[in-house]
Every structure is written in structure tokens, then in C-alpha cells.
């Protein structure tokens, strides 16, 4: 890929059928055995149709390596310790792919969430069921998304790497970038 520490990257998610979804900018932090890490500093504008917000806390995103045990059907976000409610948020999605400096994926509704108090749950199962019919998700997409969701939920709950604090190294890299720029 040829990214260097601090290079700008763009995250462009869409919903099935090419409908726009979350879009925001980040910075390249590096890669390790878990995948590629992206920094999303507090104050980052994020938008999707009908909603615009500004990130209230630092986050680091993880893009899984292609061909991993769960086939990379997810993208994870780890929130800084100062986050008021959410610690880990994993979007179940088609395998992310790079297009230049833009990361593209299709959000498949299901989300695995770990709150700061340790509670883990799957969100938007109703939306996933509705969209299977309304948007015509192919059977193989439904099966792969479901399988990925089950595995990710178990890994997040069990604090299996990378959900064991592995992100803290990359949070420190983001903190270092910010201190150089300030």
C-alpha cells in the first residue's frame, strides 16, 4: 500500500446497493498481525445521509487482513479510555478494500458493541433481517455476515486479540502524532 505514518486516509462506507453511508477522514498509523490501523482523532467530522457529527473522543480503527479466520467481514473501532459509553464497536461488513487512500466497505447492519462496563451485545439484528428482504442480500452474504458476527461477538466478549487491549499501542501512536502537530 505504501502508506507512511500520518498519511491521510478516507473511510467510505456504503449500504447495500451503493447507497452512501458513513464517511470520514483518518490518518494511517501502521499495521501488525491483526491488520491495518487508522487513527480517528477527536474532532473528526463524520457524516452519513441525514446525520453529521463530530467525534467526541479519539478512536483507532482496525481493518482486518484479507483471508483471516473470519474472512475479514468486519471493521473495528476502539474508543479511547475517556469515551463515556462505548469501548469497542465492530461493524459487520463486506471485506474492506483499499482504493488508493480510500478504504471502502459495505456495512451489513449488524454491529458488535462492548460498553465501557464490559457488556457485549449485537445491535441492529432487526435491520439486518429487514434488509435481507428489502435490499435482497444474497444468501452467501447473509451466511458470511452471520458467521462473522458470531465469531466477532465471541472474540469481543472473550477479549481475544485484537479485542484484548491490542489497540492501546496504536492509540499511543495517534497520541504521539497529535503531540507533534500541536
Protein backbone atom coordinates (compact mmCIF):
# COMPACT_ATOMS: atom_id res chain seq x y z
CA UNK A 1 0.00 0.00 0.00
CA UNK A 2 2.83 2.37 0.61
CA UNK A 3 1.34 4.49 3.40
CA UNK A 4 3.56 6.34 5.83
CA UNK A 5 2.76 7.21 9.41
CA UNK A 6 0.29 10.12 9.47
CA UNK A 7 -0.76 9.88 5.82
CA UNK A 8 -4.40 10.88 5.34
CA UNK A 9 -6.90 8.12 4.60
CA UNK A 10 -10.59 8.28 3.81
CA UNK A 11 -13.16 5.80 5.12
CA UNK A 12 -16.14 5.42 2.78
CA UNK A 13 -18.82 3.01 3.88
CA UNK A 14 -21.96 2.37 1.94
CA UNK A 15 -25.10 0.32 2.38
CA UNK A 16 -26.10 -2.48 0.03
CA UNK A 17 -26.94 -1.31 -3.47
CA UNK A 18 -24.44 1.57 -3.49
CA UNK A 19 -26.35 3.79 -1.05
CA UNK A 20 -23.98 6.16 0.81
CA UNK A 21 -23.34 5.62 4.50
CA UNK A 22 -20.65 6.82 6.95
CA UNK A 23 -17.76 8.83 5.51
CA UNK A 24 -14.89 10.41 7.40
CA UNK A 25 -11.15 11.01 7.32
CA UNK A 26 -8.42 9.45 9.39
CA UNK A 27 -4.66 9.00 9.46
CA UNK A 28 -2.57 5.92 8.74
CA UNK A 29 -0.96 4.56 11.89
CA UNK A 30 0.59 1.29 10.72
CA UNK A 31 -0.04 -2.44 10.55
CA UNK A 32 0.55 -5.51 12.66
CA UNK A 33 -0.55 -9.14 12.83
CA UNK A 34 -4.19 -8.03 13.29
CA UNK A 35 -4.44 -5.73 10.28
CA UNK A 36 -4.05 -2.09 9.38
CA UNK A 37 -4.64 0.64 11.94
CA UNK A 38 -6.21 4.04 11.29
CA UNK A 39 -6.32 6.95 13.72
CA UNK A 40 -9.51 8.98 14.08
CA UNK A 41 -8.77 11.94 16.34
CA UNK A 42 -11.36 13.66 18.49
CA UNK A 43 -12.91 16.48 16.49
CA UNK A 44 -13.10 14.45 13.26
CA UNK A 45 -16.26 15.31 11.26
CA UNK A 46 -18.29 12.22 10.34
CA UNK A 47 -21.32 12.15 8.10
CA UNK A 48 -23.91 9.90 6.57
CA UNK A 49 -27.16 10.82 4.84
CA UNK A 50 -29.29 12.64 7.38
CA UNK A 51 -26.62 12.84 10.09
CA UNK A 52 -23.49 14.87 10.68
CA UNK A 53 -21.46 14.71 13.87
CA UNK A 54 -18.03 15.38 15.23
CA UNK A 55 -16.16 12.63 17.07
CA UNK A 56 -16.04 13.49 20.75
CA UNK A 57 -13.13 11.18 21.52
CA UNK A 58 -10.08 9.62 19.92
CA UNK A 59 -10.60 6.31 18.15
CA UNK A 60 -8.40 3.82 16.37
CA UNK A 61 -9.85 1.72 13.59
CA UNK A 62 -8.70 -1.75 12.59
CA UNK A 63 -9.01 -3.10 9.06
CA UNK A 64 -8.52 -6.89 9.15
CA UNK A 65 -6.07 -8.64 6.90
CA UNK A 66 -7.80 -10.33 3.98
CA UNK A 67 -8.19 -14.07 4.30
CA UNK A 68 -8.19 -14.20 8.10
CA UNK A 69 -10.13 -16.80 10.07
CA UNK A 70 -13.40 -14.87 9.81
CA UNK A 71 -12.72 -13.85 6.22
CA UNK A 72 -12.38 -10.18 7.19
CA UNK A 73 -16.12 -9.44 7.14
CA UNK A 74 -15.82 -6.60 9.65
CA UNK A 75 -14.11 -3.34 10.54
CA UNK A 76 -13.49 -2.43 14.19
CA UNK A 77 -13.24 0.83 16.09
CA UNK A 78 -11.69 1.11 19.53
CA UNK A 79 -12.59 4.20 21.53
CA UNK A 80 -10.15 5.97 23.84
CA UNK A 81 -10.45 5.21 27.54
CA UNK A 82 -12.12 8.60 28.02
CA UNK A 83 -15.13 7.54 25.91
CA UNK A 84 -18.26 7.84 28.03
CA UNK A 85 -20.08 4.67 26.91
CA UNK A 86 -18.62 2.57 24.08
CA UNK A 87 -15.27 0.80 24.27
CA UNK A 88 -15.34 -1.37 21.10
CA UNK A 89 -17.62 -1.06 18.07
CA UNK A 90 -17.36 -3.58 15.25
CA UNK A 91 -19.30 -3.10 12.03
CA UNK A 92 -20.05 -6.37 10.27
CA UNK A 93 -19.34 -5.51 6.64
CA UNK A 94 -18.10 -6.87 3.36
CA UNK A 95 -14.33 -7.38 3.32
CA UNK A 96 -12.82 -3.88 3.27
CA UNK A 97 -10.71 -2.95 0.26
CA UNK A 98 -8.31 -0.12 -0.45
CA UNK A 99 -8.82 2.13 -3.46
CA UNK A 100 -5.83 4.46 -3.32
CA UNK A 101 -6.05 6.17 0.06
CA UNK A 102 -9.78 5.38 0.41
CA UNK A 103 -11.00 2.38 2.38
CA UNK A 104 -14.30 1.06 1.04
CA UNK A 105 -16.73 -1.45 2.52
CA UNK A 106 -20.45 -2.21 2.56
CA UNK A 107 -22.00 -2.04 6.02
CA UNK A 108 -24.24 -5.06 6.61
CA UNK A 109 -26.17 -3.61 9.55
CA UNK A 110 -25.00 -5.92 12.34
CA UNK A 111 -22.77 -4.33 14.97
CA UNK A 112 -20.94 -5.94 17.88
CA UNK A 113 -20.60 -3.48 20.74
CA UNK A 114 -18.68 -3.64 24.03
CA UNK A 115 -19.59 -0.94 26.50
CA UNK A 116 -17.08 0.51 28.96
CA UNK A 117 -18.73 -1.55 31.72
CA UNK A 118 -17.90 -4.75 29.78
CA UNK A 119 -21.38 -5.56 28.47
CA UNK A 120 -21.25 -7.03 24.94
CA UNK A 121 -24.23 -7.18 22.60
CA UNK A 122 -25.16 -7.41 18.93
CA UNK A 123 -27.05 -4.37 17.63
CA UNK A 124 -29.34 -3.96 14.61
CA UNK A 125 -30.30 -7.61 14.14
CA UNK A 126 -33.78 -6.36 13.19
CA UNK A 127 -32.34 -4.10 10.49
CA UNK A 128 -30.24 -7.00 9.15
CA UNK A 129 -33.37 -9.18 8.90
CA UNK A 130 -35.36 -6.40 7.19
CA UNK A 131 -32.62 -5.62 4.69
CA UNK A 132 -32.26 -9.26 3.71
CA UNK A 133 -35.74 -8.92 2.23
CA UNK A 134 -35.90 -5.22 1.27
CA UNK A 135 -32.46 -4.99 -0.29
CA UNK A 136 -32.12 -8.57 -1.45
CA UNK A 137 -28.94 -9.61 0.31
CA UNK A 138 -27.66 -12.75 -1.42
CA UNK A 139 -27.76 -15.93 0.67
CA UNK A 140 -23.95 -16.21 0.79
CA UNK A 141 -23.67 -12.63 2.09
CA UNK A 142 -26.24 -13.35 4.81
CA UNK A 143 -24.40 -16.52 5.81
CA UNK A 144 -20.95 -14.91 5.88
CA UNK A 145 -22.16 -11.84 7.78
CA UNK A 146 -23.92 -14.05 10.33
CA UNK A 147 -20.89 -16.28 10.79
CA UNK A 148 -18.59 -13.26 11.16
CA UNK A 149 -20.93 -11.65 13.68
CA UNK A 150 -20.99 -14.77 15.85
CA UNK A 151 -17.22 -15.10 15.82
CA UNK A 152 -16.58 -11.40 16.46
CA UNK A 153 -19.11 -11.35 19.33
CA UNK A 154 -17.41 -14.31 20.97
CA UNK A 155 -13.95 -12.76 20.48
CA UNK A 156 -15.01 -9.35 21.83
CA UNK A 157 -16.70 -10.94 24.86
CA UNK A 158 -13.70 -13.22 25.46
CA UNK A 159 -11.23 -10.38 24.94
CA UNK A 160 -9.45 -12.44 22.30
CA UNK A 161 -6.85 -10.43 20.34
CA UNK A 162 -7.27 -7.86 18.92
CA UNK A 163 -10.06 -7.15 21.44
CA UNK A 164 -7.73 -7.58 24.43
CA UNK A 165 -6.20 -4.10 24.51
CA UNK A 166 -4.03 -4.61 21.42
CA UNK A 167 -5.32 -1.23 20.19
CA UNK A 168 -3.62 0.66 23.03
CA UNK A 169 -0.29 0.55 21.20
CA UNK A 170 -1.95 2.29 18.25
CA UNK A 171 -3.76 4.77 20.49
CA UNK A 172 -0.31 5.77 21.75
CA UNK A 173 0.85 6.27 18.14
CA UNK A 174 -2.16 8.54 17.49
CA UNK A 175 -1.41 10.46 20.71
CA UNK A 176 2.19 10.91 19.53
CA UNK A 177 1.07 12.25 16.15
CA UNK A 178 -1.20 14.76 17.83
CA UNK A 179 1.56 15.98 20.18
CA UNK A 180 3.87 16.55 17.19
CA UNK A 181 1.18 18.56 15.37
CA UNK A 182 0.13 20.64 18.41
